[in-house]
C-alpha atoms as a PDB file:
ATOM      1  CA  MET A   1       6.856 -18.281 -31.112  1.00  0.00           C
ATOM      2  CA  PRO A   2       6.179 -15.558 -28.544  1.00  0.00           C
ATOM      3  CA  PRO A   3       3.094 -13.404 -29.160  1.00  0.00           C
ATOM      4  CA  GLN A   4       3.922 -10.513 -31.488  1.00  0.00           C
ATOM      5  CA  PRO A   5       2.519  -7.100 -30.507  1.00  0.00           C
ATOM      6  CA  LYS A   6       0.865  -4.991 -33.159  1.00  0.00           C
ATOM      7  CA  ASN A   7       3.163  -2.463 -34.799  1.00  0.00           C
ATOM      8  CA  ILE A   8       1.280   0.821 -35.066  1.00  0.00           C
ATOM      9  CA  PRO A   9       3.749   3.706 -35.512  1.00  0.00           C
ATOM     10  CA  VAL A  10       2.855   6.879 -33.647  1.00  0.00           C
ATOM     11  CA  GLU A  11       4.841  10.097 -34.034  1.00  0.00           C
ATOM     12  CA  ILE A  12       5.560  11.811 -30.713  1.00  0.00           C
ATOM     13  CA  THR A  13       7.230  15.207 -30.377  1.00  0.00           C
ATOM     14  CA  GLN A  14       8.569  16.312 -26.980  1.00  0.00           C
ATOM     15  CA  HIS A  15      11.140  18.936 -26.056  1.00  0.00           C
ATOM     16  CA  GLY A  16      11.731  19.690 -29.717  1.00  0.00           C
ATOM     17  CA  GLU A  17      12.575  16.092 -30.561  1.00  0.00           C
ATOM     18  CA  THR A  18      10.424  13.710 -32.605  1.00  0.00           C
ATOM     19  CA  ARG A  19      10.445   9.928 -32.243  1.00  0.00           C
ATOM     20  CA  ILE A  20       8.375   7.045 -33.580  1.00  0.00           C
ATOM     21  CA  ASP A  21       6.797   4.717 -31.028  1.00  0.00           C
ATOM     22  CA  PRO A  22       5.313   1.554 -32.607  1.00  0.00           C
ATOM     23  CA  TYR A  23       3.883   0.376 -29.298  1.00  0.00           C
ATOM     24  CA  ALA A  24       2.216   3.532 -27.997  1.00  0.00           C
ATOM     25  CA  TRP A  25      -1.106   1.702 -28.342  1.00  0.00           C
ATOM     26  CA  MET A  26      -0.174  -0.395 -25.300  1.00  0.00           C
ATOM     27  CA  LYS A  27      -0.717   2.602 -23.008  1.00  0.00           C
ATOM     28  CA  ASP A  28      -4.403   2.787 -22.202  1.00  0.00           C
ATOM     29  CA  GLU A  29      -5.734   6.320 -22.650  1.00  0.00           C
ATOM     30  CA  ASN A  30      -7.582   5.825 -19.355  1.00  0.00           C
ATOM     31  CA  TRP A  31      -4.539   4.521 -17.467  1.00  0.00           C
ATOM     32  CA  GLN A  32      -5.366   6.597 -14.396  1.00  0.00           C
ATOM     33  CA  GLU A  33      -8.739   4.886 -14.042  1.00  0.00           C
ATOM     34  CA  VAL A  34      -7.147   1.501 -14.782  1.00  0.00           C
ATOM     35  CA  LEU A  35      -4.857   1.916 -11.773  1.00  0.00           C
ATOM     36  CA  ARG A  36      -7.928   2.037  -9.562  1.00  0.00           C
ATOM     37  CA  ASP A  37      -9.843  -0.654 -11.462  1.00  0.00           C
ATOM     38  CA  PRO A  38      -7.678  -3.019 -13.580  1.00  0.00           C
ATOM     39  CA  THR A  39     -10.795  -4.740 -14.953  1.00  0.00           C
ATOM     40  CA  ILE A  40     -11.441  -1.775 -17.253  1.00  0.00           C
ATOM     41  CA  LEU A  41      -8.090  -2.154 -19.059  1.00  0.00           C
ATOM     42  CA  ARG A  42      -8.704  -1.925 -22.810  1.00  0.00           C
ATOM     43  CA  ALA A  43      -9.429  -5.376 -24.220  1.00  0.00           C
ATOM     44  CA  ASP A  44      -6.672  -5.493 -26.842  1.00  0.00           C
ATOM     45  CA  ILE A  45      -4.009  -4.602 -24.272  1.00  0.00           C
ATOM     46  CA  ALA A  46      -5.362  -7.142 -21.796  1.00  0.00           C
ATOM     47  CA  ASP A  47      -5.466  -9.859 -24.449  1.00  0.00           C
ATOM     48  CA  HIS A  48      -1.835  -9.274 -25.402  1.00  0.00           C
ATOM     49  CA  LEU A  49      -0.673  -9.313 -21.786  1.00  0.00           C
ATOM     50  CA  LYS A  50      -2.552 -12.564 -21.172  1.00  0.00           C
ATOM     51  CA  ALA A  51      -0.919 -14.070 -24.245  1.00  0.00           C
ATOM     52  CA  GLU A  52       2.537 -13.028 -23.029  1.00  0.00           C
ATOM     53  CA  ASN A  53       1.877 -14.516 -19.597  1.00  0.00           C
ATOM     54  CA  ALA A  54       0.631 -17.766 -21.121  1.00  0.00           C
ATOM     55  CA  TYR A  55       3.740 -17.964 -23.303  1.00  0.00           C
ATOM     56  CA  TYR A  56       5.994 -17.406 -20.282  1.00  0.00           C
ATOM     57  CA  GLU A  57       4.219 -20.106 -18.275  1.00  0.00           C
ATOM     58  CA  ALA A  58       4.539 -22.610 -21.125  1.00  0.00           C
ATOM     59  CA  GLU A  59       8.213 -21.849 -21.795  1.00  0.00           C
ATOM     60  CA  THR A  60       9.243 -22.032 -18.136  1.00  0.00           C
ATOM     61  CA  ALA A  61       7.050 -24.956 -17.063  1.00  0.00           C
ATOM     62  CA  ASP A  62      10.107 -27.221 -16.791  1.00  0.00           C
ATOM     63  CA  LEU A  63      11.607 -24.844 -14.197  1.00  0.00           C
ATOM     64  CA  ALA A  64       8.827 -25.339 -11.664  1.00  0.00           C
ATOM     65  CA  SER A  65      10.786 -27.820  -9.553  1.00  0.00           C
ATOM     66  CA  LEU A  66      13.878 -25.587  -9.641  1.00  0.00           C
ATOM     67  CA  ARG A  67      11.844 -22.626  -8.402  1.00  0.00           C
ATOM     68  CA  GLU A  68      10.549 -24.725  -5.524  1.00  0.00           C
ATOM     69  CA  THR A  69      14.105 -25.805  -4.681  1.00  0.00           C
ATOM     70  CA  LEU A  70      15.380 -22.217  -4.713  1.00  0.00           C
ATOM     71  CA  VAL A  71      12.519 -20.959  -2.552  1.00  0.00           C
ATOM     72  CA  ALA A  72      13.108 -23.754  -0.051  1.00  0.00           C
ATOM     73  CA  GLU A  73      16.837 -22.954   0.052  1.00  0.00           C
ATOM     74  CA  MET A  74      16.206 -19.235   0.598  1.00  0.00           C
ATOM     75  CA  ARG A  75      13.672 -19.921   3.333  1.00  0.00           C
ATOM     76  CA  GLY A  76      16.198 -22.222   4.970  1.00  0.00           C
ATOM     77  CA  ARG A  77      18.680 -19.356   5.220  1.00  0.00           C
ATOM     78  CA  ILE A  78      16.411 -16.885   6.999  1.00  0.00           C
ATOM     79  CA  LYS A  79      14.674 -16.838  10.358  1.00  0.00           C
ATOM     80  CA  GLU A  80      11.071 -17.089   9.220  1.00  0.00           C
ATOM     81  CA  ASP A  81       9.518 -16.688  12.664  1.00  0.00           C
ATOM     82  CA  ASP A  82      11.400 -13.436  13.284  1.00  0.00           C
ATOM     83  CA  SER A  83      10.040 -10.661  15.496  1.00  0.00           C
ATOM     84  CA  SER A  84      10.791  -7.007  16.093  1.00  0.00           C
ATOM     85  CA  VAL A  85      11.904  -5.770  19.500  1.00  0.00           C
ATOM     86  CA  PRO A  86       8.745  -4.853  21.471  1.00  0.00           C
ATOM     87  CA  GLU A  87       8.302  -1.082  21.583  1.00  0.00           C
ATOM     88  CA  LYS A  88       6.765   0.219  24.800  1.00  0.00           C
ATOM     89  CA  ASP A  89       4.012   2.788  24.406  1.00  0.00           C
ATOM     90  CA  GLY A  90       1.782   3.668  27.331  1.00  0.00           C
ATOM     91  CA  PRO A  91       0.381   0.511  28.961  1.00  0.00           C
ATOM     92  CA  TYR A  92       1.423  -1.745  26.084  1.00  0.00           C
ATOM     93  CA  ALA A  93       4.426  -3.074  24.214  1.00  0.00           C
ATOM     94  CA  TYR A  94       3.893  -3.287  20.446  1.00  0.00           C
ATOM     95  CA  LEU A  95       5.670  -5.655  18.075  1.00  0.00           C
ATOM     96  CA  VAL A  96       5.614  -7.045  14.554  1.00  0.00           C
ATOM     97  CA  ARG A  97       6.372 -10.707  13.953  1.00  0.00           C
ATOM     98  CA  TYR A  98       6.216 -13.365  11.263  1.00  0.00           C
ATOM     99  CA  ARG A  99       5.034 -16.961  11.269  1.00  0.00           C
ATOM    100  CA  GLU A 100       7.076 -19.734   9.715  1.00  0.00           C
ATOM    101  CA  GLY A 101       5.880 -20.159   6.153  1.00  0.00           C
ATOM    102  CA  GLY A 102       3.895 -16.913   6.276  1.00  0.00           C
ATOM    103  CA  GLU A 103       4.181 -14.112   3.745  1.00  0.00           C
ATOM    104  CA  TYR A 104       2.713 -11.228   5.746  1.00  0.00           C
ATOM    105  CA  PRO A 105       3.448  -9.782   9.190  1.00  0.00           C
ATOM    106  CA  VAL A 106       1.392 -10.070  12.361  1.00  0.00           C
ATOM    107  CA  TYR A 107       0.944  -6.878  14.376  1.00  0.00           C
ATOM    108  CA  ALA A 108       0.464  -7.536  18.070  1.00  0.00           C
ATOM    109  CA  ARG A 109       0.779  -6.083  21.555  1.00  0.00           C
ATOM    110  CA  THR A 110       1.177  -7.293  25.117  1.00  0.00           C
ATOM    111  CA  PRO A 111       0.735  -5.528  28.446  1.00  0.00           C
ATOM    112  CA  ARG A 112       3.802  -3.360  29.057  1.00  0.00           C
ATOM    113  CA  ASP A 113       5.178  -5.562  31.836  1.00  0.00           C
ATOM    114  CA  GLY A 114       4.268  -8.873  30.252  1.00  0.00           C
ATOM    115  CA  GLY A 115       1.110 -10.890  29.767  1.00  0.00           C
ATOM    116  CA  THR A 116      -1.150 -12.321  27.105  1.00  0.00           C
ATOM    117  CA  GLU A 117      -0.497 -11.190  23.553  1.00  0.00           C
ATOM    118  CA  THR A 118      -3.304  -9.571  21.571  1.00  0.00           C
ATOM    119  CA  ILE A 119      -3.146  -9.823  17.794  1.00  0.00           C
ATOM    120  CA  LEU A 120      -4.121  -6.476  16.333  1.00  0.00           C
ATOM    121  CA  TYR A 121      -3.790  -7.250  12.641  1.00  0.00           C
ATOM    122  CA  ASP A 122      -2.984 -10.626  11.099  1.00  0.00           C
ATOM    123  CA  GLY A 123      -1.665  -9.874   7.619  1.00  0.00           C
ATOM    124  CA  GLN A 124      -1.862 -13.491   6.475  1.00  0.00           C
ATOM    125  CA  ALA A 125      -5.527 -13.773   7.408  1.00  0.00           C
ATOM    126  CA  GLU A 126      -6.423 -10.327   6.098  1.00  0.00           C
ATOM    127  CA  ALA A 127      -4.817 -11.027   2.708  1.00  0.00           C
ATOM    128  CA  GLY A 128      -7.200 -13.900   2.085  1.00  0.00           C
ATOM    129  CA  ASP A 129      -7.170 -14.909  -1.579  1.00  0.00           C
ATOM    130  CA  SER A 130      -6.097 -11.474  -2.846  1.00  0.00           C
ATOM    131  CA  LYS A 131      -3.842 -11.737  -5.890  1.00  0.00           C
ATOM    132  CA  PHE A 132      -1.950  -8.716  -4.580  1.00  0.00           C
ATOM    133  CA  PHE A 133      -1.737  -7.493  -0.992  1.00  0.00           C
ATOM    134  CA  ASP A 134       0.463  -4.766   0.476  1.00  0.00           C
ATOM    135  CA  ILE A 135       0.163  -3.361   3.990  1.00  0.00           C
ATOM    136  CA  GLY A 136       0.952   0.334   4.177  1.00  0.00           C
ATOM    137  CA  ALA A 137       0.701   0.889   7.932  1.00  0.00           C
ATOM    138  CA  VAL A 138      -0.980  -0.352  11.096  1.00  0.00           C
ATOM    139  CA  ILE A 139      -1.094   2.445  13.672  1.00  0.00           C
ATOM    140  CA  CYS A 140      -2.945   2.512  16.997  1.00  0.00           C
ATOM    141  CA  SER A 141      -4.579   5.637  18.391  1.00  0.00           C
ATOM    142  CA  PRO A 142      -2.974   7.459  21.352  1.00  0.00           C
ATOM    143  CA  ASP A 143      -5.653   6.079  23.695  1.00  0.00           C
ATOM    144  CA  HIS A 144      -4.833   2.556  22.390  1.00  0.00           C
ATOM    145  CA  ALA A 145      -8.514   1.844  21.673  1.00  0.00           C
ATOM    146  CA  LEU A 146      -8.538   2.131  17.891  1.00  0.00           C
ATOM    147  CA  MET A 147      -6.385   0.914  15.036  1.00  0.00           C
ATOM    148  CA  ALA A 148      -6.071   2.534  11.617  1.00  0.00           C
ATOM    149  CA  TYR A 149      -4.627   0.382   8.867  1.00  0.00           C
ATOM    150  CA  SER A 150      -3.981   0.840   5.157  1.00  0.00           C
ATOM    151  CA  VAL A 151      -3.904  -1.739   2.381  1.00  0.00           C
ATOM    152  CA  ASP A 152      -3.312  -1.835  -1.367  1.00  0.00           C
ATOM    153  CA  ARG A 153      -4.986  -4.840  -3.015  1.00  0.00           C
ATOM    154  CA  LEU A 154      -4.341  -3.819  -6.627  1.00  0.00           C
ATOM    155  CA  GLY A 155      -0.650  -2.958  -6.829  1.00  0.00           C
ATOM    156  CA  SER A 156      -1.580   0.614  -7.755  1.00  0.00           C
ATOM    157  CA  GLU A 157       0.152   2.196  -4.728  1.00  0.00           C
ATOM    158  CA  TYR A 158      -3.174   3.796  -3.809  1.00  0.00           C
ATOM    159  CA  PHE A 159      -3.847   2.637  -0.253  1.00  0.00           C
ATOM    160  CA  ASP A 160      -7.275   2.403   1.413  1.00  0.00           C
ATOM    161  CA  ILE A 161      -7.348   3.450   5.074  1.00  0.00           C
ATOM    162  CA  ARG A 162      -9.858   1.871   7.455  1.00  0.00           C
ATOM    163  CA  ILE A 163     -10.398   2.101  11.206  1.00  0.00           C
ATOM    164  CA  ARG A 164     -11.121  -0.751  13.609  1.00  0.00           C
ATOM    165  CA  ASN A 165     -12.127  -0.915  17.272  1.00  0.00           C
ATOM    166  CA  ILE A 166      -9.484  -3.112  18.900  1.00  0.00           C
ATOM    167  CA  ALA A 167     -11.654  -4.461  21.714  1.00  0.00           C
ATOM    168  CA  THR A 168     -14.691  -5.384  19.602  1.00  0.00           C
ATOM    169  CA  GLY A 169     -13.199  -5.790  16.122  1.00  0.00           C
ATOM    170  CA  GLU A 170     -15.922  -3.494  14.791  1.00  0.00           C
ATOM    171  CA  GLU A 171     -15.029  -1.591  11.621  1.00  0.00           C
ATOM    172  CA  TYR A 172     -15.884   2.048  11.098  1.00  0.00           C
ATOM    173  CA  THR A 173     -18.051   2.670   8.052  1.00  0.00           C
ATOM    174  CA  GLU A 174     -15.722   4.977   6.138  1.00  0.00           C
ATOM    175  CA  THR A 175     -12.922   3.970   3.779  1.00  0.00           C
ATOM    176  CA  LEU A 176     -10.380   6.614   2.791  1.00  0.00           C
ATOM    177  CA  LYS A 177      -9.269   6.152  -0.820  1.00  0.00           C
ATOM    178  CA  SER A 178      -6.196   7.235  -2.817  1.00  0.00           C
ATOM    179  CA  THR A 179      -3.886   7.707   0.168  1.00  0.00           C
ATOM    180  CA  ASP A 180      -0.130   7.088   0.334  1.00  0.00           C
ATOM    181  CA  GLY A 181      -0.708   4.570   3.131  1.00  0.00           C
ATOM    182  CA  PHE A 182       0.608   6.457   6.160  1.00  0.00           C
ATOM    183  CA  LEU A 183      -1.202   8.510   8.791  1.00  0.00           C
ATOM    184  CA  VAL A 184      -0.663  10.355  12.068  1.00  0.00           C
ATOM    185  CA  TRP A 185      -3.280  10.291  14.799  1.00  0.00           C
ATOM    186  CA  ALA A 186      -4.372  13.469  16.564  1.00  0.00           C
ATOM    187  CA  GLN A 187      -3.842  13.360  20.321  1.00  0.00           C
ATOM    188  CA  ASP A 188      -7.583  13.193  21.037  1.00  0.00           C
ATOM    189  CA  SER A 189      -7.801   9.838  19.188  1.00  0.00           C
ATOM    190  CA  LYS A 190     -10.853  11.161  17.334  1.00  0.00           C
ATOM    191  CA  SER A 191      -9.161  12.121  14.084  1.00  0.00           C
ATOM    192  CA  PHE A 192      -5.972  11.711  12.078  1.00  0.00           C
ATOM    193  CA  PHE A 193      -3.939  13.279   9.284  1.00  0.00           C
ATOM    194  CA  TYR A 194      -2.987  11.565   6.032  1.00  0.00           C
ATOM    195  CA  VAL A 195      -1.601  12.274   2.559  1.00  0.00           C
ATOM    196  CA  GLU A 196      -3.796  11.888  -0.516  1.00  0.00           C
ATOM    197  CA  ARG A 197      -2.358  11.082  -3.945  1.00  0.00           C
ATOM    198  CA  ASP A 198      -3.561  12.785  -7.116  1.00  0.00           C
ATOM    199  CA  ASP A 199      -4.533  11.024 -10.359  1.00  0.00           C
ATOM    200  CA  ASN A 200      -0.852  10.832 -11.347  1.00  0.00           C
ATOM    201  CA  GLN A 201       0.003   9.097  -8.035  1.00  0.00           C
ATOM    202  CA  ARG A 202       1.756  12.162  -6.628  1.00  0.00           C
ATOM    203  CA  PRO A 203       1.361  12.540  -2.826  1.00  0.00           C
ATOM    204  CA  LYS A 204      -0.072  16.050  -3.073  1.00  0.00           C
ATOM    205  CA  TRP A 205      -2.538  16.901  -0.291  1.00  0.00           C
ATOM    206  CA  VAL A 206      -2.407  16.615   3.509  1.00  0.00           C
ATOM    207  CA  ARG A 207      -5.910  16.167   4.866  1.00  0.00           C
ATOM    208  CA  HIS A 208      -7.531  15.874   8.306  1.00  0.00           C
ATOM    209  CA  HIS A 209     -10.130  13.147   8.811  1.00  0.00           C
ATOM    210  CA  LYS A 210     -12.628  13.040  11.684  1.00  0.00           C
ATOM    211  CA  LEU A 211     -13.823   9.561  12.624  1.00  0.00           C
ATOM    212  CA  GLY A 212     -17.318   8.693  11.502  1.00  0.00           C
ATOM    213  CA  THR A 213     -17.399  11.219   8.649  1.00  0.00           C
ATOM    214  CA  ASP A 214     -17.187  10.797   4.891  1.00  0.00           C
ATOM    215  CA  GLN A 215     -13.851  11.403   3.186  1.00  0.00           C
ATOM    216  CA  SER A 216     -15.430  14.182   1.104  1.00  0.00           C
ATOM    217  CA  GLU A 217     -15.699  16.218   4.317  1.00  0.00           C
ATOM    218  CA  ASP A 218     -11.987  15.976   5.169  1.00  0.00           C
ATOM    219  CA  MET A 219     -10.313  19.342   5.660  1.00  0.00           C
ATOM    220  CA  LEU A 220      -7.423  20.291   3.394  1.00  0.00           C
ATOM    221  CA  VAL A 221      -4.436  21.146   5.594  1.00  0.00           C
ATOM    222  CA  PHE A 222      -1.749  21.634   2.953  1.00  0.00           C
ATOM    223  CA  GLU A 223      -1.398  21.364  -0.821  1.00  0.00           C
ATOM    224  CA  GLU A 224       1.929  20.997  -2.633  1.00  0.00           C
ATOM    225  CA  ALA A 225       1.745  23.292  -5.668  1.00  0.00           C
ATOM    226  CA  ASP A 226       4.989  22.026  -7.209  1.00  0.00           C
ATOM    227  CA  ASN A 227       4.293  18.767  -9.082  1.00  0.00           C
ATOM    228  CA  GLY A 228       7.989  17.919  -8.806  1.00  0.00           C
ATOM    229  CA  MET A 229       7.689  17.626  -5.016  1.00  0.00           C
ATOM    230  CA  PHE A 230       6.082  14.796  -3.056  1.00  0.00           C
ATOM    231  CA  LEU A 231       4.594  15.122   0.440  1.00  0.00           C
ATOM    232  CA  SER A 232       4.906  12.934   3.506  1.00  0.00           C
ATOM    233  CA  ILE A 233       3.972  13.403   7.149  1.00  0.00           C
ATOM    234  CA  SER A 234       5.489  12.191  10.391  1.00  0.00           C
ATOM    235  CA  LEU A 235       5.234  12.656  14.153  1.00  0.00           C
ATOM    236  CA  THR A 236       8.089  14.116  16.171  1.00  0.00           C
ATOM    237  CA  GLN A 237       9.672  11.880  18.794  1.00  0.00           C
ATOM    238  CA  ASP A 238       8.147  13.878  21.661  1.00  0.00           C
ATOM    239  CA  GLU A 239       4.752  13.493  19.910  1.00  0.00           C
ATOM    240  CA  LYS A 240       4.076  17.233  20.175  1.00  0.00           C
ATOM    241  CA  TYR A 241       4.213  18.100  16.493  1.00  0.00           C
ATOM    242  CA  ILE A 242       3.190  16.699  13.131  1.00  0.00           C
ATOM    243  CA  LEU A 243       5.690  17.387  10.356  1.00  0.00           C
ATOM    244  CA  ILE A 244       4.712  18.000   6.748  1.00  0.00           C
ATOM    245  CA  GLU A 245       7.738  17.071   4.664  1.00  0.00           C
ATOM    246  CA  PRO A 246       8.053  17.914   0.929  1.00  0.00           C
ATOM    247  CA  GLY A 247      10.822  16.234  -1.030  1.00  0.00           C
ATOM    248  CA  ASN A 248      11.823  15.194  -4.537  1.00  0.00           C
ATOM    249  CA  GLY A 249      14.062  12.218  -3.822  1.00  0.00           C
ATOM    250  CA  ASN A 250      17.333  14.071  -4.417  1.00  0.00           C
END
């Protein structure tokens, strides 16, 4: 028998309508903190989820070989070692490619007119043994000396941004938390703009970060007052302007 969740009726009234939810207990009251640290999930919820997962694994154990067959067939129908068209930018040509059997992309560049490839960010190596790993962006500075990259290792959609010196591999000390994963470099290559999410995961604030400073010092550039609107930023094609773009998905 599958694990049976507790039935604890809770009366909820919204918009003038009342309903009974017997499973409201499965929403942790501290869900916003749980998104940032899953280890603090309330014990009774975690125990039930583990029991459900264990039940699934036991009931589908006989399908393991079929899953392997399906994965092999799907891999056989795609070009695993695919690569993007190199995009020329200044003295370099940038590209994203995949290795055969790999799950994550490799970001690389070559001299503009050909030459030895430099791997900027190897997603497969960076993922390590992470149970979850999502790359938000890998973006080089206008002077091509630095690389900012963002990663979500929890599945929370809160991305951490870090900065790396391309030539030395040295990491800057700061880590920018709770971002939406994208950023736009300033032309001086000494700072960049990014969008910060609030506790409800809404992309709400555009901030300006100067390299070598703590995130708490970042200047607020724009705040979206309407919680129904989400923010994003982008760079115009002529690279003269940064656009702040509110939208609601409609």
